[in-house]
Amino acid sequence: MKFSVTVTLKKDVLDPQGKVVQNTLFNLGLKNLKNIRQGKYFEIEINEQDEKKAENMINEMCQKLLVNLIIEDYQINKLQ
């Protein structure tokens, strides 16, 4: 099974990299840009046929290594 994990900073956490990208795009003439926040994206494929077990394994990976739970949120999606 294949999953995607999108990791983003929590809304209350300052995103300096996203702010630099936003300012650069603004300076390039994209004046209608309201906000950009930067994150991480993972595609994970595992050998598990039970969807619930697979999702639990991905969730465990996120909590143990992929995500800093103090400042980041994450979303898991099953890919086709």
N, C-alpha and C. Protein backbone atom coordinates (compact mmCIF):
# COMPACT_ATOMS: atom_id res chain seq x y z
N MET A 1 0.84 -1.18 0.00
CA MET A 1 0.00 0.00 0.00
C MET A 1 0.88 1.24 0.00
N LYS A 2 0.35 2.28 -0.60
CA LYS A 2 1.11 3.51 -0.75
C LYS A 2 0.35 4.66 -0.09
N PHE A 3 1.08 5.47 0.67
CA PHE A 3 0.49 6.60 1.38
C PHE A 3 1.31 7.84 1.13
N SER A 4 0.66 9.00 1.29
CA SER A 4 1.38 10.26 1.31
C SER A 4 1.19 10.87 2.69
N VAL A 5 2.24 11.55 3.15
CA VAL A 5 2.17 12.27 4.42
C VAL A 5 2.60 13.70 4.14
N THR A 6 1.73 14.64 4.48
CA THR A 6 2.03 16.05 4.35
C THR A 6 2.23 16.63 5.74
N VAL A 7 3.38 17.24 5.96
CA VAL A 7 3.73 17.80 7.26
C VAL A 7 3.81 19.32 7.11
N THR A 8 3.11 20.03 7.97
CA THR A 8 3.13 21.49 7.95
C THR A 8 3.35 22.02 9.36
N LEU A 9 3.88 23.22 9.44
CA LEU A 9 4.01 23.86 10.74
C LEU A 9 2.61 24.18 11.26
N LYS A 10 2.44 24.10 12.57
CA LYS A 10 1.17 24.49 13.17
C LYS A 10 0.93 25.96 12.87
N LYS A 11 -0.34 26.35 12.82
CA LYS A 11 -0.71 27.70 12.40
C LYS A 11 -0.08 28.78 13.27
N ASP A 12 0.13 28.50 14.55
CA ASP A 12 0.68 29.50 15.47
C ASP A 12 2.20 29.60 15.41
N VAL A 13 2.86 28.73 14.64
CA VAL A 13 4.32 28.70 14.57
C VAL A 13 4.79 29.56 13.39
N LEU A 14 5.74 30.45 13.67
CA LEU A 14 6.31 31.31 12.64
C LEU A 14 7.01 30.45 11.59
N ASP A 15 6.81 30.78 10.31
CA ASP A 15 7.41 30.04 9.20
C ASP A 15 8.36 30.97 8.43
N PRO A 16 9.62 31.11 8.90
CA PRO A 16 10.54 32.04 8.24
C PRO A 16 10.86 31.67 6.80
N GLN A 17 10.96 30.37 6.49
CA GLN A 17 11.24 29.97 5.11
C GLN A 17 10.08 30.31 4.19
N GLY A 18 8.86 30.06 4.66
CA GLY A 18 7.68 30.42 3.88
C GLY A 18 7.61 31.92 3.65
N LYS A 19 8.01 32.71 4.66
CA LYS A 19 7.99 34.17 4.55
C LYS A 19 9.00 34.65 3.52
N VAL A 20 10.18 34.02 3.46
CA VAL A 20 11.19 34.38 2.45
C VAL A 20 10.66 34.09 1.05
N VAL A 21 10.04 32.93 0.86
CA VAL A 21 9.48 32.58 -0.44
C VAL A 21 8.39 33.57 -0.82
N GLN A 22 7.53 33.89 0.14
CA GLN A 22 6.45 34.84 -0.11
C GLN A 22 7.00 36.21 -0.51
N ASN A 23 7.99 36.71 0.20
CA ASN A 23 8.57 38.02 -0.11
C ASN A 23 9.25 38.01 -1.48
N THR A 24 9.93 36.92 -1.80
CA THR A 24 10.60 36.81 -3.10
C THR A 24 9.59 36.83 -4.24
N LEU A 25 8.51 36.06 -4.09
CA LEU A 25 7.48 36.05 -5.13
C LEU A 25 6.83 37.43 -5.27
N PHE A 26 6.62 38.09 -4.13
CA PHE A 26 6.07 39.45 -4.17
C PHE A 26 7.00 40.37 -4.95
N ASN A 27 8.31 40.26 -4.69
CA ASN A 27 9.31 41.09 -5.40
C ASN A 27 9.40 40.75 -6.88
N LEU A 28 8.99 39.54 -7.26
CA LEU A 28 8.97 39.14 -8.66
C LEU A 28 7.70 39.59 -9.38
N GLY A 29 6.86 40.31 -8.67
CA GLY A 29 5.67 40.87 -9.29
C GLY A 29 4.37 40.17 -8.98
N LEU A 30 4.40 39.14 -8.17
CA LEU A 30 3.17 38.43 -7.81
C LEU A 30 2.54 39.10 -6.58
N LYS A 31 1.92 40.24 -6.82
CA LYS A 31 1.43 41.12 -5.75
C LYS A 31 0.15 40.61 -5.08
N ASN A 32 -0.58 39.70 -5.72
CA ASN A 32 -1.84 39.21 -5.15
C ASN A 32 -1.65 38.07 -4.17
N LEU A 33 -0.43 37.65 -3.95
CA LEU A 33 -0.13 36.54 -3.06
C LEU A 33 -0.47 36.93 -1.62
N LYS A 34 -1.29 36.12 -0.97
CA LYS A 34 -1.72 36.43 0.39
C LYS A 34 -0.82 35.77 1.43
N ASN A 35 -0.49 34.47 1.24
CA ASN A 35 0.31 33.77 2.24
C ASN A 35 0.88 32.48 1.65
N ILE A 36 2.08 32.12 2.08
CA ILE A 36 2.69 30.83 1.74
C ILE A 36 3.28 30.24 3.01
N ARG A 37 3.04 28.95 3.22
CA ARG A 37 3.68 28.23 4.32
C ARG A 37 4.35 27.01 3.72
N GLN A 38 5.56 26.76 4.18
CA GLN A 38 6.36 25.66 3.66
C GLN A 38 6.16 24.42 4.52
N GLY A 39 6.29 23.24 3.90
CA GLY A 39 6.15 22.00 4.63
C GLY A 39 7.01 20.90 4.03
N LYS A 40 6.69 19.67 4.43
CA LYS A 40 7.40 18.48 3.93
C LYS A 40 6.37 17.52 3.36
N TYR A 41 6.81 16.71 2.40
CA TYR A 41 5.92 15.72 1.77
C TYR A 41 6.68 14.40 1.67
N PHE A 42 6.03 13.32 2.10
CA PHE A 42 6.61 11.99 2.02
C PHE A 42 5.65 11.07 1.26
N GLU A 43 6.19 10.20 0.42
CA GLU A 43 5.43 9.09 -0.15
C GLU A 43 6.02 7.83 0.42
N ILE A 44 5.18 7.02 1.03
CA ILE A 44 5.64 5.82 1.73
C ILE A 44 4.87 4.62 1.21
N GLU A 45 5.59 3.59 0.82
CA GLU A 45 4.98 2.35 0.35
C GLU A 45 5.39 1.24 1.33
N ILE A 46 4.41 0.51 1.84
CA ILE A 46 4.70 -0.56 2.79
C ILE A 46 4.02 -1.85 2.36
N ASN A 47 4.58 -2.97 2.83
CA ASN A 47 4.03 -4.29 2.54
C ASN A 47 3.02 -4.67 3.62
N GLU A 48 1.81 -4.22 3.44
CA GLU A 48 0.73 -4.54 4.37
C GLU A 48 -0.57 -4.48 3.60
N GLN A 49 -1.38 -5.53 3.68
CA GLN A 49 -2.63 -5.58 2.92
C GLN A 49 -3.82 -5.00 3.69
N ASP A 50 -3.74 -5.02 5.00
CA ASP A 50 -4.82 -4.49 5.83
C ASP A 50 -4.66 -2.96 5.92
N GLU A 51 -5.64 -2.23 5.38
CA GLU A 51 -5.53 -0.77 5.30
C GLU A 51 -5.41 -0.13 6.68
N LYS A 52 -6.18 -0.59 7.64
CA LYS A 52 -6.14 -0.01 8.99
C LYS A 52 -4.77 -0.23 9.64
N LYS A 53 -4.22 -1.44 9.50
CA LYS A 53 -2.88 -1.72 10.05
C LYS A 53 -1.84 -0.86 9.36
N ALA A 54 -1.95 -0.72 8.04
CA ALA A 54 -0.99 0.09 7.28
C ALA A 54 -1.03 1.54 7.74
N GLU A 55 -2.23 2.07 7.90
CA GLU A 55 -2.36 3.46 8.34
C GLU A 55 -1.80 3.64 9.74
N ASN A 56 -2.02 2.66 10.61
CA ASN A 56 -1.45 2.72 11.96
C ASN A 56 0.07 2.71 11.92
N MET A 57 0.65 1.93 11.02
CA MET A 57 2.10 1.90 10.87
C MET A 57 2.64 3.25 10.40
N ILE A 58 1.96 3.87 9.44
CA ILE A 58 2.37 5.18 8.93
C ILE A 58 2.26 6.22 10.05
N ASN A 59 1.19 6.14 10.80
CA ASN A 59 0.99 7.06 11.92
C ASN A 59 2.12 6.92 12.94
N GLU A 60 2.52 5.70 13.22
CA GLU A 60 3.62 5.45 14.15
C GLU A 60 4.93 6.03 13.62
N MET A 61 5.18 5.88 12.31
CA MET A 61 6.38 6.46 11.70
C MET A 61 6.40 7.98 11.88
N CYS A 62 5.24 8.58 11.67
CA CYS A 62 5.15 10.04 11.81
C CYS A 62 5.45 10.46 13.24
N GLN A 63 4.85 9.79 14.20
CA GLN A 63 5.01 10.18 15.59
C GLN A 63 6.42 9.91 16.12
N LYS A 64 7.09 8.90 15.59
CA LYS A 64 8.42 8.55 16.09
C LYS A 64 9.56 9.30 15.39
N LEU A 65 9.37 9.68 14.11
CA LEU A 65 10.50 10.26 13.39
C LEU A 65 10.15 11.40 12.43
N LEU A 66 9.11 11.25 11.65
CA LEU A 66 8.89 12.17 10.53
C LEU A 66 8.36 13.54 10.93
N VAL A 67 7.72 13.62 12.09
CA VAL A 67 7.04 14.85 12.49
C VAL A 67 7.53 15.30 13.87
N ASN A 68 7.78 16.59 14.01
CA ASN A 68 8.04 17.18 15.32
C ASN A 68 6.68 17.61 15.87
N LEU A 69 6.10 16.78 16.72
CA LEU A 69 4.73 16.99 17.17
C LEU A 69 4.52 18.27 17.98
N ILE A 70 5.59 18.87 18.44
CA ILE A 70 5.47 20.12 19.20
C ILE A 70 5.12 21.28 18.27
N ILE A 71 5.71 21.30 17.07
CA ILE A 71 5.49 22.45 16.19
C ILE A 71 4.87 22.10 14.85
N GLU A 72 4.66 20.80 14.57
CA GLU A 72 4.14 20.40 13.25
C GLU A 72 2.86 19.58 13.37
N ASP A 73 2.03 19.70 12.35
CA ASP A 73 0.85 18.87 12.15
C ASP A 73 1.11 17.99 10.93
N TYR A 74 0.34 16.91 10.79
CA TYR A 74 0.51 16.07 9.61
C TYR A 74 -0.82 15.46 9.19
N GLN A 75 -0.85 15.10 7.91
CA GLN A 75 -2.04 14.47 7.34
C GLN A 75 -1.60 13.27 6.51
N ILE A 76 -2.29 12.16 6.71
CA ILE A 76 -1.98 10.91 5.98
C ILE A 76 -3.09 10.68 4.96
N ASN A 77 -2.68 10.37 3.72
CA ASN A 77 -3.64 10.05 2.66
C ASN A 77 -3.21 8.78 1.96
N LYS A 78 -4.17 7.90 1.68
CA LYS A 78 -3.88 6.68 0.93
C LYS A 78 -3.81 7.03 -0.56
N LEU A 79 -2.78 6.55 -1.23
CA LEU A 79 -2.62 6.77 -2.66
C LEU A 79 -3.10 5.55 -3.42
N GLN A 80 -3.52 5.74 -4.64
CA GLN A 80 -4.00 4.62 -5.47
C GLN A 80 -2.86 3.90 -6.11
